[in-house]
Amino acid sequence: MASGYTPPAAVKSVAGVSATDYEDWLVLTFERPPDAPDFSPPPEKPWFHGRMSRAVAEDQLSKSHRFDGTFLLRESDAVPVKQDPVYVLTVMLDGASHHMEVVKREDGKYALAGIRGAKAFKTLDKLVAHYQKKKVELDGGGRTKLKFYLD
């Protein structure tokens, strides 16, 4: 400990965190707890918008495109970060935004929630590709293909 700095006891006592003092730098190392949920990395696709609220998704879609089938996939901000992410497909139809939760089933596959007999896919990318070819049944009625992604 070249600088003589000692990390506060609070930093030292946090589970999964270790502190090391290097001259004028304090380096914190975080370890993933063994009981932490297994986060799947989000797809690196232009239609994926990361963590976003419902209101922001609606605003972005309404500002840029009002075409039926314009969509984006986002991580819901209504779920605490410590839990597995909840993905939402937001789609425009008849000038309105429709939000459909994408659930990760026990077998690890993704499917649209609330649709009886919904087809399930190994990846979010495959789910989106499927509904770019086949119409998706939206909440509140109506059907459309995913035609234009919002990037």
Protein backbone atom coordinates (compact mmCIF):
# COMPACT_ATOMS: atom_id res chain seq x y z
CA MET A 1 0.00 0.00 0.00
CA ALA A 2 2.20 2.70 -1.34
CA SER A 3 -0.14 5.63 -0.69
CA GLY A 4 -1.11 4.50 2.79
CA TYR A 5 -4.80 4.59 1.91
CA THR A 6 -6.94 1.96 3.57
CA PRO A 7 -10.33 1.29 1.99
CA PRO A 8 -13.27 1.93 4.32
CA ALA A 9 -14.55 -1.08 6.22
CA ALA A 10 -17.84 -0.82 4.32
CA VAL A 11 -16.03 -1.53 1.03
CA LYS A 12 -14.14 -4.44 2.53
CA SER A 13 -17.27 -5.99 4.01
CA VAL A 14 -19.39 -6.11 0.85
CA ALA A 15 -19.78 -9.71 -0.33
CA GLY A 16 -18.10 -10.37 -3.65
CA VAL A 17 -16.03 -7.17 -3.58
CA SER A 18 -12.35 -6.95 -2.91
CA ALA A 19 -10.34 -3.74 -2.72
CA THR A 20 -6.69 -3.29 -3.63
CA ASP A 21 -4.75 -0.08 -3.19
CA TYR A 22 -2.25 0.75 -5.97
CA GLU A 23 -0.44 4.01 -5.26
CA ASP A 24 -3.13 6.66 -5.94
CA TRP A 25 -5.70 4.20 -7.29
CA LEU A 26 -8.22 2.09 -5.45
CA VAL A 27 -9.21 -0.92 -7.54
CA LEU A 28 -12.46 -2.69 -6.70
CA THR A 29 -12.94 -6.20 -8.01
CA PHE A 30 -16.44 -7.61 -8.20
CA GLU A 31 -17.17 -11.30 -8.26
CA ARG A 32 -20.43 -12.74 -9.48
CA PRO A 33 -22.22 -14.50 -6.62
CA PRO A 34 -22.75 -18.21 -7.29
CA ASP A 35 -26.53 -17.82 -6.91
CA ALA A 36 -26.80 -14.89 -9.37
CA PRO A 37 -29.13 -15.42 -12.34
CA ASP A 38 -27.56 -16.38 -15.66
CA PHE A 39 -27.86 -13.29 -17.84
CA SER A 40 -27.91 -13.93 -21.56
CA PRO A 41 -26.17 -11.15 -23.43
CA PRO A 42 -28.58 -9.10 -25.53
CA PRO A 43 -28.32 -9.43 -29.28
CA GLU A 44 -26.03 -7.04 -31.11
CA LYS A 45 -28.64 -6.06 -33.66
CA PRO A 46 -29.78 -2.62 -34.79
CA TRP A 47 -33.35 -3.36 -33.68
CA PHE A 48 -32.26 -4.03 -30.08
CA HIS A 49 -32.37 -0.86 -27.95
CA GLY A 50 -31.22 -2.04 -24.53
CA ARG A 51 -32.90 -1.03 -21.29
CA MET A 52 -35.74 1.35 -22.11
CA SER A 53 -39.08 2.39 -20.65
CA ARG A 54 -42.40 1.85 -22.36
CA ALA A 55 -42.90 5.62 -22.69
CA VAL A 56 -39.51 6.17 -24.36
CA ALA A 57 -40.15 3.29 -26.78
CA GLU A 58 -43.52 4.76 -27.74
CA ASP A 59 -42.00 8.21 -28.14
CA GLN A 60 -39.16 6.99 -30.36
CA LEU A 61 -41.46 4.96 -32.58
CA SER A 62 -44.01 7.74 -32.95
CA LYS A 63 -41.36 10.36 -33.77
CA SER A 64 -39.51 8.39 -36.40
CA HIS A 65 -42.01 6.11 -38.12
CA ARG A 66 -45.72 5.63 -38.05
CA PHE A 67 -45.70 2.78 -40.53
CA ASP A 68 -47.41 -0.46 -39.59
CA GLY A 69 -44.83 -3.06 -38.65
CA THR A 70 -42.17 -0.62 -37.39
CA PHE A 71 -40.63 -2.23 -34.31
CA LEU A 72 -37.90 -2.34 -31.72
CA LEU A 73 -36.91 -4.88 -29.10
CA ARG A 74 -35.98 -3.56 -25.68
CA GLU A 75 -35.19 -4.67 -22.17
CA SER A 76 -37.96 -3.57 -19.83
CA ASP A 77 -36.88 -1.05 -17.23
CA ALA A 78 -39.72 -2.18 -14.94
CA VAL A 79 -37.72 -5.21 -13.77
CA PRO A 80 -34.90 -4.78 -11.23
CA VAL A 81 -31.44 -5.09 -12.78
CA LYS A 82 -30.56 -7.98 -10.43
CA GLN A 83 -33.14 -10.25 -12.08
CA ASP A 84 -33.07 -11.90 -15.48
CA PRO A 85 -33.89 -9.28 -18.10
CA VAL A 86 -37.43 -9.08 -19.45
CA TYR A 87 -37.55 -8.27 -23.14
CA VAL A 88 -40.43 -6.44 -24.81
CA LEU A 89 -41.26 -6.26 -28.50
CA THR A 90 -42.82 -2.87 -29.29
CA VAL A 91 -44.63 -2.68 -32.63
CA MET A 92 -46.59 0.06 -34.41
CA LEU A 93 -49.98 -0.77 -35.95
CA ASP A 94 -52.67 1.70 -37.01
CA GLY A 95 -50.74 4.56 -35.41
CA ALA A 96 -50.57 2.91 -31.97
CA SER A 97 -47.76 1.17 -30.12
CA HIS A 98 -48.29 -2.41 -28.98
CA HIS A 99 -46.04 -3.97 -26.34
CA MET A 100 -45.54 -7.71 -26.15
CA GLU A 101 -43.45 -9.37 -23.48
CA VAL A 102 -40.96 -11.95 -24.66
CA VAL A 103 -40.66 -14.74 -22.11
CA LYS A 104 -37.76 -17.10 -21.63
CA ARG A 105 -39.26 -20.52 -21.03
CA GLU A 106 -37.84 -23.22 -18.77
CA ASP A 107 -36.25 -24.89 -21.82
CA GLY A 108 -34.29 -21.67 -22.49
CA LYS A 109 -36.27 -20.72 -25.59
CA TYR A 110 -37.94 -17.35 -26.19
CA ALA A 111 -41.63 -16.89 -27.05
CA LEU A 112 -44.16 -14.08 -27.09
CA ALA A 113 -46.23 -14.06 -23.91
CA GLY A 114 -50.00 -14.26 -24.03
CA ILE A 115 -50.22 -16.07 -27.34
CA ARG A 116 -51.58 -19.58 -27.05
CA GLY A 117 -49.31 -22.01 -28.86
CA ALA A 118 -46.71 -19.31 -29.58
CA LYS A 119 -43.70 -20.67 -31.41
CA ALA A 120 -40.49 -20.65 -29.34
CA PHE A 121 -36.97 -19.88 -30.53
CA LYS A 122 -33.44 -20.52 -29.27
CA THR A 123 -32.47 -16.84 -29.68
CA LEU A 124 -34.13 -13.45 -29.79
CA ASP A 125 -32.63 -13.01 -33.25
CA LYS A 126 -34.52 -16.06 -34.51
CA LEU A 127 -37.75 -14.85 -32.90
CA VAL A 128 -37.48 -11.51 -34.71
CA ALA A 129 -36.54 -13.18 -38.02
CA HIS A 130 -39.61 -15.43 -37.77
CA TYR A 131 -42.00 -12.52 -37.25
CA GLN A 132 -40.40 -10.63 -40.11
CA LYS A 133 -41.76 -13.43 -42.33
CA LYS A 134 -44.97 -14.30 -40.46
CA LYS A 135 -47.53 -11.95 -38.94
CA VAL A 136 -47.47 -11.47 -35.20
CA GLU A 137 -50.77 -11.32 -33.32
CA LEU A 138 -50.68 -8.12 -31.28
CA ASP A 139 -52.27 -7.39 -27.94
CA GLY A 140 -55.65 -5.74 -28.40
CA GLY A 141 -56.10 -7.39 -31.79
CA GLY A 142 -54.49 -6.81 -35.13
CA ARG A 143 -51.71 -8.61 -36.95
CA THR A 144 -48.63 -7.42 -38.77
CA LYS A 145 -45.19 -8.57 -39.82
CA LEU A 146 -42.12 -6.90 -38.33
CA LYS A 147 -41.25 -4.78 -41.36
CA PHE A 148 -39.11 -1.82 -40.36
CA TYR A 149 -36.78 -1.75 -37.39
CA LEU A 150 -36.00 1.40 -35.52
CA ASP A 151 -32.25 1.82 -35.18
